[in-house]
Amino acid sequence: MADPAARPAIHPASADGAPPTADRDRGSGTVHALTLSLVLGVLLVTVLLLAQAGVATHRAGKAADLAALAAADVARGLVAGEPCGAAARVARANGAQLELCELVEPERVVVDVGTEVALEGPLARFGAARGVSRAGPPEDP
């Protein structure tokens, strides 16, 4: 049988005596750090886009509420004018577009209003943020 010390080494040791597997891990921390940074960046962008959509939805809701109140005031005769015209002006002043304005029967003093706020950037393909509201005199108990 041959002497085991006489056999050539399959994986020769590096110059500093470390096993060759240690060199394969060199730089892996950098790759992990870059991957983690990329994942965190994608998550941050996603959260910011969701926040932008939330802000637009709240703006559309606020515009619908204010437009409905303005239209109800006109419908009840508290302010001169046409109810849907007043609702459109108030919606525009709040950065929204009026998409629905209906006087509710039978007394026509309750107004249903719908508004929309266009989403910008990558969210535009999902359509506009919408808000709906109803306003009128309080109901009798």
C-alpha atoms as a PDB file:
ATOM      1  CA  MET A   1       0.000   0.000   0.000  1.00  0.00           C
ATOM      2  CA  ALA A   2       1.185   3.438  -0.809  1.00  0.00           C
ATOM      3  CA  ASP A   3       2.104   5.929   1.835  1.00  0.00           C
ATOM      4  CA  PRO A   4      -0.834   8.425   2.360  1.00  0.00           C
ATOM      5  CA  ALA A   5       1.584  11.319   2.820  1.00  0.00           C
ATOM      6  CA  ALA A   6       3.001  10.616  -0.626  1.00  0.00           C
ATOM      7  CA  ARG A   7      -0.358  11.221  -2.357  1.00  0.00           C
ATOM      8  CA  PRO A   8      -0.792  14.617  -3.950  1.00  0.00           C
ATOM      9  CA  ALA A   9      -3.314  16.947  -2.286  1.00  0.00           C
ATOM     10  CA  ILE A  10      -6.582  17.268  -4.167  1.00  0.00           C
ATOM     11  CA  HIS A  11      -7.081  20.885  -3.012  1.00  0.00           C
ATOM     12  CA  PRO A  12      -3.814  22.562  -2.271  1.00  0.00           C
ATOM     13  CA  ALA A  13      -3.810  25.032   0.598  1.00  0.00           C
ATOM     14  CA  SER A  14      -3.586  28.735  -0.144  1.00  0.00           C
ATOM     15  CA  ALA A  15      -0.431  30.714   0.510  1.00  0.00           C
ATOM     16  CA  ASP A  16      -1.566  31.683   4.013  1.00  0.00           C
ATOM     17  CA  GLY A  17      -2.435  28.103   4.918  1.00  0.00           C
ATOM     18  CA  ALA A  18      -6.246  28.631   4.944  1.00  0.00           C
ATOM     19  CA  PRO A  19      -8.371  25.962   3.324  1.00  0.00           C
ATOM     20  CA  PRO A  20      -9.484  26.777  -0.225  1.00  0.00           C
ATOM     21  CA  THR A  21     -13.193  26.944   0.735  1.00  0.00           C
ATOM     22  CA  ALA A  22     -12.582  30.180   2.644  1.00  0.00           C
ATOM     23  CA  ASP A  23     -11.820  31.968  -0.642  1.00  0.00           C
ATOM     24  CA  ARG A  24     -15.200  31.015  -2.110  1.00  0.00           C
ATOM     25  CA  ASP A  25     -17.010  32.994   0.590  1.00  0.00           C
ATOM     26  CA  ARG A  26     -14.955  36.137   0.072  1.00  0.00           C
ATOM     27  CA  GLY A  27     -17.272  39.008  -0.999  1.00  0.00           C
ATOM     28  CA  SER A  28     -20.515  37.240  -0.075  1.00  0.00           C
ATOM     29  CA  GLY A  29     -21.244  39.874   2.591  1.00  0.00           C
ATOM     30  CA  THR A  30     -21.237  42.523  -0.127  1.00  0.00           C
ATOM     31  CA  VAL A  31     -23.707  40.538  -2.213  1.00  0.00           C
ATOM     32  CA  HIS A  32     -25.976  40.045   0.798  1.00  0.00           C
ATOM     33  CA  ALA A  33     -25.801  43.753   1.688  1.00  0.00           C
ATOM     34  CA  LEU A  34     -26.660  44.781  -1.878  1.00  0.00           C
ATOM     35  CA  THR A  35     -29.558  42.317  -2.007  1.00  0.00           C
ATOM     36  CA  LEU A  36     -30.898  43.571   1.316  1.00  0.00           C
ATOM     37  CA  SER A  37     -30.583  47.181   0.122  1.00  0.00           C
ATOM     38  CA  LEU A  38     -32.474  46.365  -3.072  1.00  0.00           C
ATOM     39  CA  VAL A  39     -35.285  44.611  -1.176  1.00  0.00           C
ATOM     40  CA  LEU A  40     -35.600  47.494   1.292  1.00  0.00           C
ATOM     41  CA  GLY A  41     -35.648  49.986  -1.580  1.00  0.00           C
ATOM     42  CA  VAL A  42     -38.463  48.117  -3.329  1.00  0.00           C
ATOM     43  CA  LEU A  43     -40.444  47.960  -0.068  1.00  0.00           C
ATOM     44  CA  LEU A  44     -39.945  51.690   0.506  1.00  0.00           C
ATOM     45  CA  VAL A  45     -41.160  52.559  -2.997  1.00  0.00           C
ATOM     46  CA  THR A  46     -44.198  50.293  -2.525  1.00  0.00           C
ATOM     47  CA  VAL A  47     -45.103  51.946   0.779  1.00  0.00           C
ATOM     48  CA  LEU A  48     -44.712  55.414  -0.739  1.00  0.00           C
ATOM     49  CA  LEU A  49     -46.965  54.518  -3.681  1.00  0.00           C
ATOM     50  CA  LEU A  50     -49.623  53.151  -1.327  1.00  0.00           C
ATOM     51  CA  ALA A  51     -49.393  56.327   0.745  1.00  0.00           C
ATOM     52  CA  GLN A  52     -49.827  58.424  -2.408  1.00  0.00           C
ATOM     53  CA  ALA A  53     -52.971  56.449  -3.299  1.00  0.00           C
ATOM     54  CA  GLY A  54     -54.293  56.909   0.243  1.00  0.00           C
ATOM     55  CA  VAL A  55     -53.767  60.655   0.123  1.00  0.00           C
ATOM     56  CA  ALA A  56     -55.588  60.877  -3.218  1.00  0.00           C
ATOM     57  CA  THR A  57     -58.496  58.840  -1.842  1.00  0.00           C
ATOM     58  CA  HIS A  58     -58.804  61.104   1.179  1.00  0.00           C
ATOM     59  CA  ARG A  59     -58.658  64.177  -1.053  1.00  0.00           C
ATOM     60  CA  ALA A  60     -61.453  62.769  -3.246  1.00  0.00           C
ATOM     61  CA  GLY A  61     -63.561  62.028  -0.154  1.00  0.00           C
ATOM     62  CA  LYS A  62     -63.000  65.488   1.286  1.00  0.00           C
ATOM     63  CA  ALA A  63     -63.906  67.109  -2.019  1.00  0.00           C
ATOM     64  CA  ALA A  64     -67.089  64.991  -2.234  1.00  0.00           C
ATOM     65  CA  ASP A  65     -68.123  65.951   1.302  1.00  0.00           C
ATOM     66  CA  LEU A  66     -67.611  69.659   0.724  1.00  0.00           C
ATOM     67  CA  ALA A  67     -69.250  69.587  -2.712  1.00  0.00           C
ATOM     68  CA  ALA A  68     -72.285  67.767  -1.309  1.00  0.00           C
ATOM     69  CA  LEU A  69     -72.633  70.320   1.492  1.00  0.00           C
ATOM     70  CA  ALA A  70     -72.424  73.203  -0.971  1.00  0.00           C
ATOM     71  CA  ALA A  71     -74.978  71.597  -3.297  1.00  0.00           C
ATOM     72  CA  ALA A  72     -77.344  70.871  -0.397  1.00  0.00           C
ATOM     73  CA  ASP A  73     -77.181  74.501   0.724  1.00  0.00           C
ATOM     74  CA  VAL A  74     -78.156  75.622  -2.768  1.00  0.00           C
ATOM     75  CA  ALA A  75     -80.875  72.944  -3.043  1.00  0.00           C
ATOM     76  CA  ARG A  76     -82.436  74.089   0.233  1.00  0.00           C
ATOM     77  CA  GLY A  77     -82.399  77.719  -0.919  1.00  0.00           C
ATOM     78  CA  LEU A  78     -79.821  78.898   1.617  1.00  0.00           C
ATOM     79  CA  VAL A  79     -77.539  80.050  -1.207  1.00  0.00           C
ATOM     80  CA  ALA A  80     -78.554  81.195  -4.691  1.00  0.00           C
ATOM     81  CA  GLY A  81     -77.534  79.162  -7.714  1.00  0.00           C
ATOM     82  CA  GLU A  82     -77.771  75.693  -9.195  1.00  0.00           C
ATOM     83  CA  PRO A  83     -76.849  72.781  -6.862  1.00  0.00           C
ATOM     84  CA  CYS A  84     -74.685  70.784  -9.272  1.00  0.00           C
ATOM     85  CA  GLY A  85     -72.908  73.934 -10.465  1.00  0.00           C
ATOM     86  CA  ALA A  86     -71.988  74.772  -6.879  1.00  0.00           C
ATOM     87  CA  ALA A  87     -70.837  71.185  -6.295  1.00  0.00           C
ATOM     88  CA  ALA A  88     -68.630  71.307  -9.412  1.00  0.00           C
ATOM     89  CA  ARG A  89     -67.014  74.594  -8.320  1.00  0.00           C
ATOM     90  CA  VAL A  90     -66.265  73.301  -4.826  1.00  0.00           C
ATOM     91  CA  ALA A  91     -64.911  69.995  -6.148  1.00  0.00           C
ATOM     92  CA  ARG A  92     -62.624  71.834  -8.588  1.00  0.00           C
ATOM     93  CA  ALA A  93     -61.414  74.137  -5.801  1.00  0.00           C
ATOM     94  CA  ASN A  94     -60.401  71.032  -3.826  1.00  0.00           C
ATOM     95  CA  GLY A  95     -58.466  69.413  -6.667  1.00  0.00           C
ATOM     96  CA  ALA A  96     -61.176  66.962  -7.766  1.00  0.00           C
ATOM     97  CA  GLN A  97     -63.528  66.550 -10.670  1.00  0.00           C
ATOM     98  CA  LEU A  98     -67.285  66.140 -10.181  1.00  0.00           C
ATOM     99  CA  GLU A  99     -68.482  62.889 -11.732  1.00  0.00           C
ATOM    100  CA  LEU A 100     -71.933  62.533 -10.136  1.00  0.00           C
ATOM    101  CA  CYS A 101     -74.482  65.029  -8.862  1.00  0.00           C
ATOM    102  CA  GLU A 102     -78.076  63.968  -8.229  1.00  0.00           C
ATOM    103  CA  LEU A 103     -80.894  65.578  -6.298  1.00  0.00           C
ATOM    104  CA  VAL A 104     -82.689  62.867  -4.346  1.00  0.00           C
ATOM    105  CA  GLU A 105     -86.487  62.692  -4.658  1.00  0.00           C
ATOM    106  CA  PRO A 106     -89.110  63.470  -3.361  1.00  0.00           C
ATOM    107  CA  GLU A 107     -88.167  66.866  -1.885  1.00  0.00           C
ATOM    108  CA  ARG A 108     -84.980  67.348  -3.905  1.00  0.00           C
ATOM    109  CA  VAL A 109     -83.064  68.890  -0.999  1.00  0.00           C
ATOM    110  CA  VAL A 110     -80.754  65.900  -0.437  1.00  0.00           C
ATOM    111  CA  VAL A 111     -77.825  65.698  -2.848  1.00  0.00           C
ATOM    112  CA  ASP A 112     -75.640  62.708  -3.786  1.00  0.00           C
ATOM    113  CA  VAL A 113     -72.204  63.715  -5.060  1.00  0.00           C
ATOM    114  CA  GLY A 114     -69.321  61.704  -6.496  1.00  0.00           C
ATOM    115  CA  THR A 115     -65.835  63.051  -7.174  1.00  0.00           C
ATOM    116  CA  GLU A 116     -62.606  61.689  -8.577  1.00  0.00           C
ATOM    117  CA  VAL A 117     -58.963  62.656  -8.209  1.00  0.00           C
ATOM    118  CA  ALA A 118     -56.561  61.459 -10.894  1.00  0.00           C
ATOM    119  CA  LEU A 119     -53.621  59.397  -9.667  1.00  0.00           C
ATOM    120  CA  GLU A 120     -50.243  60.326 -11.090  1.00  0.00           C
ATOM    121  CA  GLY A 121     -47.117  58.407 -11.967  1.00  0.00           C
ATOM    122  CA  PRO A 122     -47.113  54.614 -11.902  1.00  0.00           C
ATOM    123  CA  LEU A 123     -50.504  54.574 -10.140  1.00  0.00           C
ATOM    124  CA  ALA A 124     -52.285  56.266 -13.068  1.00  0.00           C
ATOM    125  CA  ARG A 125     -52.971  52.925 -14.744  1.00  0.00           C
ATOM    126  CA  PHE A 126     -55.196  51.912 -11.808  1.00  0.00           C
ATOM    127  CA  GLY A 127     -57.663  54.725 -12.469  1.00  0.00           C
ATOM    128  CA  ALA A 128     -58.746  57.651 -10.351  1.00  0.00           C
ATOM    129  CA  ALA A 129     -59.370  57.798  -6.618  1.00  0.00           C
ATOM    130  CA  ARG A 130     -63.077  58.250  -5.964  1.00  0.00           C
ATOM    131  CA  GLY A 131     -65.157  59.810  -3.221  1.00  0.00           C
ATOM    132  CA  VAL A 132     -68.921  59.807  -2.663  1.00  0.00           C
ATOM    133  CA  SER A 133     -71.060  61.767  -0.260  1.00  0.00           C
ATOM    134  CA  ARG A 134     -74.665  62.640   0.543  1.00  0.00           C
ATOM    135  CA  ALA A 135     -75.786  65.853   2.210  1.00  0.00           C
ATOM    136  CA  GLY A 136     -79.068  67.439   3.114  1.00  0.00           C
ATOM    137  CA  PRO A 137     -81.180  68.550   6.041  1.00  0.00           C
ATOM    138  CA  PRO A 138     -81.312  66.266   9.068  1.00  0.00           C
ATOM    139  CA  GLU A 139     -84.057  63.663   9.084  1.00  0.00           C
ATOM    140  CA  ASP A 140     -86.955  64.070  11.515  1.00  0.00           C
ATOM    141  CA  PRO A 141     -86.951  61.420  14.248  1.00  0.00           C
END
